[in-house]
C-alpha atoms as a PDB file:
ATOM      1  CA  UNK A   1     -15.958 -28.700  12.020  1.00  0.00           C
ATOM      2  CA  UNK A   2     -19.027 -26.660  11.126  1.00  0.00           C
ATOM      3  CA  UNK A   3     -18.289 -23.027  10.291  1.00  0.00           C
ATOM      4  CA  UNK A   4     -20.246 -20.381  12.148  1.00  0.00           C
ATOM      5  CA  UNK A   5     -21.393 -17.297  10.271  1.00  0.00           C
ATOM      6  CA  UNK A   6     -20.185 -13.876  11.351  1.00  0.00           C
ATOM      7  CA  UNK A   7     -23.254 -11.910  12.403  1.00  0.00           C
ATOM      8  CA  UNK A   8     -24.207  -8.300  13.213  1.00  0.00           C
ATOM      9  CA  UNK A   9     -21.923  -6.774  10.596  1.00  0.00           C
ATOM     10  CA  UNK A  10     -22.700  -3.667   8.508  1.00  0.00           C
ATOM     11  CA  UNK A  11     -24.219  -4.345   5.089  1.00  0.00           C
ATOM     12  CA  UNK A  12     -21.107  -2.981   3.366  1.00  0.00           C
ATOM     13  CA  UNK A  13     -18.641  -5.040   5.420  1.00  0.00           C
ATOM     14  CA  UNK A  14     -16.036  -7.168   3.613  1.00  0.00           C
ATOM     15  CA  UNK A  15     -17.660 -10.466   4.590  1.00  0.00           C
ATOM     16  CA  UNK A  16     -21.210  -9.254   3.873  1.00  0.00           C
ATOM     17  CA  UNK A  17     -20.425  -9.100   0.157  1.00  0.00           C
ATOM     18  CA  UNK A  18     -21.679 -11.571  -2.519  1.00  0.00           C
ATOM     19  CA  UNK A  19     -18.358 -13.450  -2.220  1.00  0.00           C
ATOM     20  CA  UNK A  20     -15.781 -13.159   0.526  1.00  0.00           C
ATOM     21  CA  UNK A  21     -12.758 -14.832   2.081  1.00  0.00           C
ATOM     22  CA  UNK A  22     -13.687 -17.233   4.845  1.00  0.00           C
ATOM     23  CA  UNK A  23     -10.495 -18.851   6.150  1.00  0.00           C
ATOM     24  CA  UNK A  24      -6.918 -19.813   5.307  1.00  0.00           C
ATOM     25  CA  UNK A  25      -4.717 -22.873   5.884  1.00  0.00           C
ATOM     26  CA  UNK A  26      -0.954 -22.684   6.389  1.00  0.00           C
ATOM     27  CA  UNK A  27       1.591 -25.500   6.490  1.00  0.00           C
ATOM     28  CA  UNK A  28       4.287 -24.772   9.078  1.00  0.00           C
ATOM     29  CA  UNK A  29       7.386 -26.533  10.338  1.00  0.00           C
ATOM     30  CA  UNK A  30       7.039 -25.724  14.050  1.00  0.00           C
ATOM     31  CA  UNK A  31       3.348 -26.019  14.838  1.00  0.00           C
ATOM     32  CA  UNK A  32       3.598 -25.283  18.543  1.00  0.00           C
ATOM     33  CA  UNK A  33       5.736 -22.172  18.126  1.00  0.00           C
ATOM     34  CA  UNK A  34       3.701 -20.681  15.279  1.00  0.00           C
ATOM     35  CA  UNK A  35       0.381 -21.386  16.985  1.00  0.00           C
ATOM     36  CA  UNK A  36       1.598 -19.738  20.193  1.00  0.00           C
ATOM     37  CA  UNK A  37       2.716 -16.693  18.188  1.00  0.00           C
ATOM     38  CA  UNK A  38      -0.715 -16.228  16.565  1.00  0.00           C
ATOM     39  CA  UNK A  39      -2.371 -16.568  19.940  1.00  0.00           C
ATOM     40  CA  UNK A  40      -0.004 -14.184  21.757  1.00  0.00           C
ATOM     41  CA  UNK A  41       0.497 -11.563  19.026  1.00  0.00           C
ATOM     42  CA  UNK A  42      -2.884 -11.563  17.259  1.00  0.00           C
ATOM     43  CA  UNK A  43      -5.001 -12.940  20.059  1.00  0.00           C
ATOM     44  CA  UNK A  44      -6.461 -15.844  18.105  1.00  0.00           C
ATOM     45  CA  UNK A  45      -7.805 -18.655  20.279  1.00  0.00           C
ATOM     46  CA  UNK A  46      -7.385 -22.375  19.785  1.00  0.00           C
ATOM     47  CA  UNK A  47     -10.653 -23.938  18.632  1.00  0.00           C
ATOM     48  CA  UNK A  48      -9.546 -27.456  17.729  1.00  0.00           C
ATOM     49  CA  UNK A  49      -6.154 -29.134  18.050  1.00  0.00           C
ATOM     50  CA  UNK A  50      -4.411 -32.415  17.241  1.00  0.00           C
ATOM     51  CA  UNK A  51      -0.811 -33.592  17.079  1.00  0.00           C
ATOM     52  CA  UNK A  52      -0.498 -32.453  13.451  1.00  0.00           C
ATOM     53  CA  UNK A  53      -2.714 -29.393  13.309  1.00  0.00           C
ATOM     54  CA  UNK A  54      -4.640 -26.657  15.045  1.00  0.00           C
ATOM     55  CA  UNK A  55      -7.516 -24.381  14.097  1.00  0.00           C
ATOM     56  CA  UNK A  56      -7.474 -20.849  15.461  1.00  0.00           C
ATOM     57  CA  UNK A  57     -10.104 -18.141  15.415  1.00  0.00           C
ATOM     58  CA  UNK A  58     -12.160 -15.543  17.288  1.00  0.00           C
ATOM     59  CA  UNK A  59     -15.391 -16.124  19.224  1.00  0.00           C
ATOM     60  CA  UNK A  60     -15.418 -19.781  18.216  1.00  0.00           C
ATOM     61  CA  UNK A  61     -15.321 -18.865  14.521  1.00  0.00           C
ATOM     62  CA  UNK A  62     -12.419 -20.577  12.698  1.00  0.00           C
ATOM     63  CA  UNK A  63     -10.193 -18.309  10.624  1.00  0.00           C
ATOM     64  CA  UNK A  64      -6.794 -19.951  10.366  1.00  0.00           C
ATOM     65  CA  UNK A  65      -5.781 -23.603  10.254  1.00  0.00           C
ATOM     66  CA  UNK A  66      -2.170 -24.584  10.879  1.00  0.00           C
ATOM     67  CA  UNK A  67      -0.861 -28.035  10.016  1.00  0.00           C
ATOM     68  CA  UNK A  68       2.626 -29.481  10.081  1.00  0.00           C
ATOM     69  CA  UNK A  69       4.258 -31.951   7.708  1.00  0.00           C
ATOM     70  CA  UNK A  70       7.659 -33.447   8.440  1.00  0.00           C
ATOM     71  CA  UNK A  71       8.353 -33.681   4.689  1.00  0.00           C
ATOM     72  CA  UNK A  72       7.480 -30.055   3.912  1.00  0.00           C
ATOM     73  CA  UNK A  73      10.337 -27.855   2.729  1.00  0.00           C
ATOM     74  CA  UNK A  74      10.529 -24.125   3.379  1.00  0.00           C
ATOM     75  CA  UNK A  75       8.937 -22.285   0.465  1.00  0.00           C
ATOM     76  CA  UNK A  76      11.338 -19.897  -1.298  1.00  0.00           C
ATOM     77  CA  UNK A  77      10.357 -16.236  -1.450  1.00  0.00           C
ATOM     78  CA  UNK A  78       9.838 -16.524  -5.210  1.00  0.00           C
ATOM     79  CA  UNK A  79       7.315 -19.371  -5.018  1.00  0.00           C
ATOM     80  CA  UNK A  80       3.639 -18.730  -5.780  1.00  0.00           C
ATOM     81  CA  UNK A  81       1.602 -18.703  -2.605  1.00  0.00           C
ATOM     82  CA  UNK A  82       0.920 -16.291   0.204  1.00  0.00           C
ATOM     83  CA  UNK A  83       1.928 -12.642   0.182  1.00  0.00           C
ATOM     84  CA  UNK A  84      -0.156 -11.949   3.268  1.00  0.00           C
ATOM     85  CA  UNK A  85      -3.300 -12.918   5.143  1.00  0.00           C
ATOM     86  CA  UNK A  86      -5.199  -9.746   6.045  1.00  0.00           C
ATOM     87  CA  UNK A  87      -7.063  -9.594   9.351  1.00  0.00           C
ATOM     88  CA  UNK A  88      -9.731  -6.888   9.331  1.00  0.00           C
ATOM     89  CA  UNK A  89     -10.522  -5.278  12.692  1.00  0.00           C
ATOM     90  CA  UNK A  90     -13.759  -3.344  13.309  1.00  0.00           C
ATOM     91  CA  UNK A  91     -12.379   0.216  13.471  1.00  0.00           C
ATOM     92  CA  UNK A  92      -9.412   2.547  14.035  1.00  0.00           C
ATOM     93  CA  UNK A  93      -9.815   2.239  17.813  1.00  0.00           C
ATOM     94  CA  UNK A  94      -9.175  -1.500  17.599  1.00  0.00           C
ATOM     95  CA  UNK A  95      -6.273  -1.068  15.182  1.00  0.00           C
ATOM     96  CA  UNK A  96      -4.644   1.356  17.616  1.00  0.00           C
ATOM     97  CA  UNK A  97      -5.290  -0.945  20.558  1.00  0.00           C
ATOM     98  CA  UNK A  98      -3.549  -3.799  18.738  1.00  0.00           C
ATOM     99  CA  UNK A  99      -0.666  -1.521  17.709  1.00  0.00           C
ATOM    100  CA  UNK A 100      -0.132  -0.534  21.344  1.00  0.00           C
ATOM    101  CA  UNK A 101      -0.062  -4.224  22.287  1.00  0.00           C
ATOM    102  CA  UNK A 102       2.592  -5.196  19.740  1.00  0.00           C
ATOM    103  CA  UNK A 103       4.647  -2.039  20.323  1.00  0.00           C
ATOM    104  CA  UNK A 104       4.687  -2.585  24.070  1.00  0.00           C
ATOM    105  CA  UNK A 105       5.783  -6.201  23.524  1.00  0.00           C
ATOM    106  CA  UNK A 106       8.555  -5.450  21.044  1.00  0.00           C
ATOM    107  CA  UNK A 107       6.931  -7.198  18.060  1.00  0.00           C
ATOM    108  CA  UNK A 108       8.785  -6.332  14.867  1.00  0.00           C
ATOM    109  CA  UNK A 109       6.680  -4.655  12.190  1.00  0.00           C
ATOM    110  CA  UNK A 110       7.510  -4.602   8.478  1.00  0.00           C
ATOM    111  CA  UNK A 111       5.586  -1.511   7.460  1.00  0.00           C
ATOM    112  CA  UNK A 112       2.428   0.555   7.699  1.00  0.00           C
ATOM    113  CA  UNK A 113       0.403   2.197   4.944  1.00  0.00           C
ATOM    114  CA  UNK A 114      -2.546   4.459   4.315  1.00  0.00           C
ATOM    115  CA  UNK A 115      -4.316   2.977   1.274  1.00  0.00           C
ATOM    116  CA  UNK A 116      -7.048   5.671   1.163  1.00  0.00           C
ATOM    117  CA  UNK A 117      -9.701   2.984   1.637  1.00  0.00           C
ATOM    118  CA  UNK A 118      -7.957   1.492   4.661  1.00  0.00           C
ATOM    119  CA  UNK A 119      -5.147   1.809   7.191  1.00  0.00           C
ATOM    120  CA  UNK A 120      -2.847  -1.207   7.347  1.00  0.00           C
ATOM    121  CA  UNK A 121       0.036  -2.541   9.424  1.00  0.00           C
ATOM    122  CA  UNK A 122       2.289  -5.316   8.118  1.00  0.00           C
ATOM    123  CA  UNK A 123       4.361  -8.006   9.813  1.00  0.00           C
ATOM    124  CA  UNK A 124       5.242 -11.693   9.417  1.00  0.00           C
ATOM    125  CA  UNK A 125       4.882 -14.757  11.607  1.00  0.00           C
ATOM    126  CA  UNK A 126       8.004 -16.638  12.803  1.00  0.00           C
ATOM    127  CA  UNK A 127       8.166 -18.692   9.576  1.00  0.00           C
ATOM    128  CA  UNK A 128       7.847 -15.692   7.282  1.00  0.00           C
ATOM    129  CA  UNK A 129       4.146 -15.886   6.409  1.00  0.00           C
ATOM    130  CA  UNK A 130       2.987 -12.350   5.685  1.00  0.00           C
ATOM    131  CA  UNK A 131       0.245 -10.728   7.752  1.00  0.00           C
ATOM    132  CA  UNK A 132      -1.712  -7.507   7.434  1.00  0.00           C
ATOM    133  CA  UNK A 133      -3.820  -6.100  10.252  1.00  0.00           C
ATOM    134  CA  UNK A 134      -6.066  -3.321   8.969  1.00  0.00           C
ATOM    135  CA  UNK A 135      -9.197  -1.295   9.388  1.00  0.00           C
ATOM    136  CA  UNK A 136     -11.418  -0.011   6.604  1.00  0.00           C
ATOM    137  CA  UNK A 137     -12.324   3.624   6.298  1.00  0.00           C
ATOM    138  CA  UNK A 138     -16.084   4.266   5.933  1.00  0.00           C
ATOM    139  CA  UNK A 139     -17.199   3.700   2.343  1.00  0.00           C
ATOM    140  CA  UNK A 140     -18.405   7.292   2.228  1.00  0.00           C
ATOM    141  CA  UNK A 141     -14.706   8.226   2.165  1.00  0.00           C
ATOM    142  CA  UNK A 142     -13.827   5.908  -0.729  1.00  0.00           C
ATOM    143  CA  UNK A 143     -13.576   7.338  -4.237  1.00  0.00           C
ATOM    144  CA  UNK A 144     -14.543   5.326  -7.299  1.00  0.00           C
ATOM    145  CA  UNK A 145     -13.290   6.004 -10.803  1.00  0.00           C
ATOM    146  CA  UNK A 146     -15.553   6.267 -13.855  1.00  0.00           C
ATOM    147  CA  UNK A 147     -14.753   2.661 -14.809  1.00  0.00           C
ATOM    148  CA  UNK A 148     -15.942   1.350 -11.431  1.00  0.00           C
ATOM    149  CA  UNK A 149     -12.510   0.752  -9.942  1.00  0.00           C
ATOM    150  CA  UNK A 150     -11.668   2.153  -6.531  1.00  0.00           C
ATOM    151  CA  UNK A 151      -8.968   4.745  -5.869  1.00  0.00           C
ATOM    152  CA  UNK A 152      -6.189   3.227  -3.767  1.00  0.00           C
ATOM    153  CA  UNK A 153      -2.676   4.355  -2.952  1.00  0.00           C
ATOM    154  CA  UNK A 154       0.220   3.425  -0.669  1.00  0.00           C
ATOM    155  CA  UNK A 155       1.005   6.386   1.552  1.00  0.00           C
ATOM    156  CA  UNK A 156       2.828   6.498   4.896  1.00  0.00           C
ATOM    157  CA  UNK A 157       0.683   5.745   7.940  1.00  0.00           C
ATOM    158  CA  UNK A 158       1.366   7.835  11.039  1.00  0.00           C
ATOM    159  CA  UNK A 159       1.949   5.039  13.555  1.00  0.00           C
ATOM    160  CA  UNK A 160       2.873   7.428  16.347  1.00  0.00           C
ATOM    161  CA  UNK A 161      -0.478   9.187  16.053  1.00  0.00           C
ATOM    162  CA  UNK A 162      -2.312   5.860  15.976  1.00  0.00           C
ATOM    163  CA  UNK A 163      -0.392   4.684  19.039  1.00  0.00           C
ATOM    164  CA  UNK A 164      -1.011   7.936  20.923  1.00  0.00           C
ATOM    165  CA  UNK A 165      -4.764   7.703  20.270  1.00  0.00           C
ATOM    166  CA  UNK A 166      -4.978   4.119  21.508  1.00  0.00           C
ATOM    167  CA  UNK A 167      -6.407   3.443  24.976  1.00  0.00           C
ATOM    168  CA  UNK A 168      -3.699   2.397  27.399  1.00  0.00           C
ATOM    169  CA  UNK A 169      -5.434  -0.632  28.827  1.00  0.00           C
ATOM    170  CA  UNK A 170      -4.631  -4.292  29.279  1.00  0.00           C
ATOM    171  CA  UNK A 171      -4.848  -6.066  25.931  1.00  0.00           C
ATOM    172  CA  UNK A 172      -7.085  -9.128  25.883  1.00  0.00           C
ATOM    173  CA  UNK A 173      -7.091  -9.921  22.166  1.00  0.00           C
ATOM    174  CA  UNK A 174      -8.595  -8.433  19.032  1.00  0.00           C
ATOM    175  CA  UNK A 175     -12.222  -7.407  19.170  1.00  0.00           C
ATOM    176  CA  UNK A 176     -15.205  -9.544  18.299  1.00  0.00           C
ATOM    177  CA  UNK A 177     -15.972  -9.196  14.619  1.00  0.00           C
ATOM    178  CA  UNK A 178     -12.355  -9.534  13.494  1.00  0.00           C
ATOM    179  CA  UNK A 179     -12.285 -11.537  10.250  1.00  0.00           C
ATOM    180  CA  UNK A 180     -10.042 -12.294   7.319  1.00  0.00           C
ATOM    181  CA  UNK A 181     -10.946  -9.358   5.113  1.00  0.00           C
ATOM    182  CA  UNK A 182      -8.792 -10.347   2.157  1.00  0.00           C
ATOM    183  CA  UNK A 183      -5.943 -12.550   1.047  1.00  0.00           C
ATOM    184  CA  UNK A 184      -2.999 -11.386  -1.050  1.00  0.00           C
ATOM    185  CA  UNK A 185      -1.275 -13.952  -3.258  1.00  0.00           C
ATOM    186  CA  UNK A 186       1.957 -14.279  -5.156  1.00  0.00           C
ATOM    187  CA  UNK A 187       1.343 -15.572  -8.693  1.00  0.00           C
ATOM    188  CA  UNK A 188       3.491 -15.898 -11.795  1.00  0.00           C
ATOM    189  CA  UNK A 189       1.459 -13.911 -14.338  1.00  0.00           C
ATOM    190  CA  UNK A 190      -1.016 -11.027 -13.979  1.00  0.00           C
ATOM    191  CA  UNK A 191      -3.051 -11.589 -17.197  1.00  0.00           C
ATOM    192  CA  UNK A 192      -3.496 -15.187 -16.045  1.00  0.00           C
ATOM    193  CA  UNK A 193      -4.662 -13.928 -12.640  1.00  0.00           C
ATOM    194  CA  UNK A 194      -7.139 -11.552 -14.297  1.00  0.00           C
ATOM    195  CA  UNK A 195      -8.515 -14.408 -16.379  1.00  0.00           C
ATOM    196  CA  UNK A 196      -8.865 -16.710 -13.375  1.00  0.00           C
ATOM    197  CA  UNK A 197     -10.285 -14.432 -10.681  1.00  0.00           C
ATOM    198  CA  UNK A 198     -12.361 -12.163 -12.920  1.00  0.00           C
ATOM    199  CA  UNK A 199     -13.409 -14.320 -15.863  1.00  0.00           C
ATOM    200  CA  UNK A 200     -13.675 -17.717 -14.138  1.00  0.00           C
ATOM    201  CA  UNK A 201     -14.555 -16.973 -10.510  1.00  0.00           C
ATOM    202  CA  UNK A 202     -16.590 -13.863 -11.339  1.00  0.00           C
ATOM    203  CA  UNK A 203     -14.826 -11.346  -9.107  1.00  0.00           C
ATOM    204  CA  UNK A 204     -14.644  -7.738 -10.257  1.00  0.00           C
ATOM    205  CA  UNK A 205     -11.296  -6.123 -11.055  1.00  0.00           C
ATOM    206  CA  UNK A 206     -11.252  -3.247  -8.552  1.00  0.00           C
ATOM    207  CA  UNK A 207      -7.753  -1.801  -8.891  1.00  0.00           C
ATOM    208  CA  UNK A 208      -4.380  -2.222 -10.540  1.00  0.00           C
ATOM    209  CA  UNK A 209      -0.914  -1.480  -9.257  1.00  0.00           C
ATOM    210  CA  UNK A 210       2.258  -2.074 -11.272  1.00  0.00           C
ATOM    211  CA  UNK A 211       2.557  -5.867 -11.167  1.00  0.00           C
ATOM    212  CA  UNK A 212      -0.642  -6.463  -9.189  1.00  0.00           C
ATOM    213  CA  UNK A 213      -4.413  -6.778  -9.602  1.00  0.00           C
ATOM    214  CA  UNK A 214      -7.102  -6.498  -6.929  1.00  0.00           C
ATOM    215  CA  UNK A 215     -10.424  -8.372  -7.117  1.00  0.00           C
ATOM    216  CA  UNK A 216     -13.647  -8.213  -5.103  1.00  0.00           C
ATOM    217  CA  UNK A 217     -17.422  -8.396  -5.094  1.00  0.00           C
ATOM    218  CA  UNK A 218     -19.890  -5.780  -3.864  1.00  0.00           C
ATOM    219  CA  UNK A 219     -17.517  -2.940  -4.824  1.00  0.00           C
ATOM    220  CA  UNK A 220     -15.257  -3.783  -1.873  1.00  0.00           C
ATOM    221  CA  UNK A 221     -11.661  -2.651  -2.445  1.00  0.00           C
ATOM    222  CA  UNK A 222     -10.393  -6.241  -2.648  1.00  0.00           C
ATOM    223  CA  UNK A 223     -11.081  -9.719  -1.353  1.00  0.00           C
ATOM    224  CA  UNK A 224      -8.202 -11.217  -3.343  1.00  0.00           C
ATOM    225  CA  UNK A 225      -5.037  -9.550  -4.593  1.00  0.00           C
ATOM    226  CA  UNK A 226      -2.431 -11.119  -6.859  1.00  0.00           C
ATOM    227  CA  UNK A 227       1.068  -9.818  -7.512  1.00  0.00           C
ATOM    228  CA  UNK A 228       4.245 -10.846  -9.360  1.00  0.00           C
ATOM    229  CA  UNK A 229       6.666  -8.665  -7.366  1.00  0.00           C
ATOM    230  CA  UNK A 230       8.813 -11.634  -6.281  1.00  0.00           C
ATOM    231  CA  UNK A 231       7.287 -14.437  -8.373  1.00  0.00           C
ATOM    232  CA  UNK A 232       7.133 -13.257 -12.004  1.00  0.00           C
ATOM    233  CA  UNK A 233       7.288 -16.310 -14.290  1.00  0.00           C
ATOM    234  CA  UNK A 234       7.688 -18.730 -11.382  1.00  0.00           C
ATOM    235  CA  UNK A 235       6.845 -22.395 -11.820  1.00  0.00           C
ATOM    236  CA  UNK A 236       3.808 -23.864 -10.060  1.00  0.00           C
ATOM    237  CA  UNK A 237       3.986 -24.235  -6.325  1.00  0.00           C
ATOM    238  CA  UNK A 238       5.233 -27.653  -5.224  1.00  0.00           C
ATOM    239  CA  UNK A 239       2.972 -29.849  -3.116  1.00  0.00           C
ATOM    240  CA  UNK A 240       5.313 -30.274  -0.146  1.00  0.00           C
ATOM    241  CA  UNK A 241       6.006 -26.656   0.761  1.00  0.00           C
ATOM    242  CA  UNK A 242       5.405 -24.553   3.842  1.00  0.00           C
ATOM    243  CA  UNK A 243       3.156 -21.526   3.560  1.00  0.00           C
ATOM    244  CA  UNK A 244      -0.330 -21.257   2.102  1.00  0.00           C
ATOM    245  CA  UNK A 245      -1.857 -24.670   1.496  1.00  0.00           C
ATOM    246  CA  UNK A 246      -5.340 -23.411   0.634  1.00  0.00           C
ATOM    247  CA  UNK A 247      -7.961 -20.765   1.354  1.00  0.00           C
ATOM    248  CA  UNK A 248     -11.741 -20.558   1.058  1.00  0.00           C
ATOM    249  CA  UNK A 249     -14.034 -18.228  -0.864  1.00  0.00           C
ATOM    250  CA  UNK A 250     -17.707 -18.339   0.089  1.00  0.00           C
ATOM    251  CA  UNK A 251     -20.545 -17.220  -2.196  1.00  0.00           C
ATOM    252  CA  UNK A 252     -23.827 -15.839  -0.881  1.00  0.00           C
ATOM    253  CA  UNK A 253     -25.677 -16.629  -4.109  1.00  0.00           C
ATOM    254  CA  UNK A 254     -25.765 -20.218  -5.329  1.00  0.00           C
ATOM    255  CA  UNK A 255     -25.962 -19.166  -8.975  1.00  0.00           C
ATOM    256  CA  UNK A 256     -22.600 -17.370  -8.753  1.00  0.00           C
ATOM    257  CA  UNK A 257     -21.004 -20.451  -7.239  1.00  0.00           C
ATOM    258  CA  UNK A 258     -22.593 -22.689  -9.887  1.00  0.00           C
ATOM    259  CA  UNK A 259     -21.328 -20.427 -12.671  1.00  0.00           C
ATOM    260  CA  UNK A 260     -17.789 -20.558 -11.292  1.00  0.00           C
ATOM    261  CA  UNK A 261     -17.926 -24.371 -11.051  1.00  0.00           C
ATOM    262  CA  UNK A 262     -19.226 -24.590 -14.625  1.00  0.00           C
ATOM    263  CA  UNK A 263     -16.419 -22.400 -15.957  1.00  0.00           C
ATOM    264  CA  UNK A 264     -13.822 -24.449 -14.102  1.00  0.00           C
ATOM    265  CA  UNK A 265     -15.298 -27.560 -15.685  1.00  0.00           C
ATOM    266  CA  UNK A 266     -15.176 -25.976 -19.145  1.00  0.00           C
ATOM    267  CA  UNK A 267     -11.463 -25.276 -18.603  1.00  0.00           C
ATOM    268  CA  UNK A 268     -10.989 -28.867 -17.438  1.00  0.00           C
ATOM    269  CA  UNK A 269      -9.689 -27.734 -14.060  1.00  0.00           C
ATOM    270  CA  UNK A 270     -10.395 -30.680 -11.739  1.00  0.00           C
ATOM    271  CA  UNK A 271     -12.808 -29.924  -8.894  1.00  0.00           C
ATOM    272  CA  UNK A 272     -13.814 -32.417  -6.235  1.00  0.00           C
ATOM    273  CA  UNK A 273     -16.846 -31.856  -4.023  1.00  0.00           C
ATOM    274  CA  UNK A 274     -16.688 -32.814  -0.346  1.00  0.00           C
ATOM    275  CA  UNK A 275     -19.594 -31.960   1.924  1.00  0.00           C
ATOM    276  CA  UNK A 276     -20.620 -28.913  -0.095  1.00  0.00           C
ATOM    277  CA  UNK A 277     -17.059 -27.626  -0.467  1.00  0.00           C
ATOM    278  CA  UNK A 278     -15.599 -27.611  -3.975  1.00  0.00           C
ATOM    279  CA  UNK A 279     -11.842 -28.166  -3.799  1.00  0.00           C
ATOM    280  CA  UNK A 280      -9.374 -27.397  -6.579  1.00  0.00           C
ATOM    281  CA  UNK A 281      -5.821 -26.295  -7.237  1.00  0.00           C
ATOM    282  CA  UNK A 282      -5.425 -22.943  -8.958  1.00  0.00           C
ATOM    283  CA  UNK A 283      -3.110 -22.282 -11.946  1.00  0.00           C
ATOM    284  CA  UNK A 284      -0.184 -21.596  -9.583  1.00  0.00           C
ATOM    285  CA  UNK A 285      -0.513 -24.714  -7.429  1.00  0.00           C
ATOM    286  CA  UNK A 286      -2.374 -23.035  -4.549  1.00  0.00           C
ATOM    287  CA  UNK A 287      -5.327 -24.879  -3.034  1.00  0.00           C
ATOM    288  CA  UNK A 288      -8.685 -23.124  -3.319  1.00  0.00           C
ATOM    289  CA  UNK A 289     -12.025 -24.075  -1.779  1.00  0.00           C
ATOM    290  CA  UNK A 290     -15.321 -22.678  -3.072  1.00  0.00           C
ATOM    291  CA  UNK A 291     -18.476 -22.987  -1.001  1.00  0.00           C
ATOM    292  CA  UNK A 292     -21.885 -21.497  -0.393  1.00  0.00           C
ATOM    293  CA  UNK A 293     -22.074 -18.942   2.406  1.00  0.00           C
ATOM    294  CA  UNK A 294     -22.629 -20.231   5.907  1.00  0.00           C
ATOM    295  CA  UNK A 295     -24.733 -17.163   6.730  1.00  0.00           C
END
């Protein structure tokens, strides 16, 4: 399937940056149930389906692939892999509209936070895969430190206020322009994550929390996060596990992609090229695809 670029986005948008997250791929046990949940709760639409998999997205643009494997075992909470997939909506209006939809339908939420740069709501799909739905504050409201990192925090988000502000109208899905803004991973070691995402892939270290690092390009708050909150010192992810199989980072500049491929080669990390997509397994056993931007 050919990927379609997301168009008409502001120049400082998450997916307008030099590198950005394009899509994610989850292995699930009950394909039909999980697919229906993403369609009903998040409003993703089915783009392509088979007996063993389905691709979901918005406006014909694929964001999430689900596949099933009869031999896959349920990933333990401590395994490296997905912490959450973060769906970025265009603005606070759309975040409130989605909140009203899930609240009115009794969807269980896991939390909500004001991160200074964004407002985020957290939940999980029926098989425990973490999800964040968030909106970014305007960059004029972000504060950068002297070292170039961005000021972030985890403060309570007033869900009642957000719900009260939301239009009370029939919900027909998330708005056009919804994308995967970032992906948050569980890894086994933070210095190793810094070395891989910053020194090998060329992402900037934008923030640190205790036990977590946040990486991005274009001074975005983060395109990739890595934490050890449940997975400190964990062994590599096993091949036949549910959860995050792989995700894709796209680069807008071919020289940045070439540099990343060269550094992977220097570290003797195997990379195979298929139709312009460079596929590898990261140090924690998570699949990663690197490709030039479709835009």
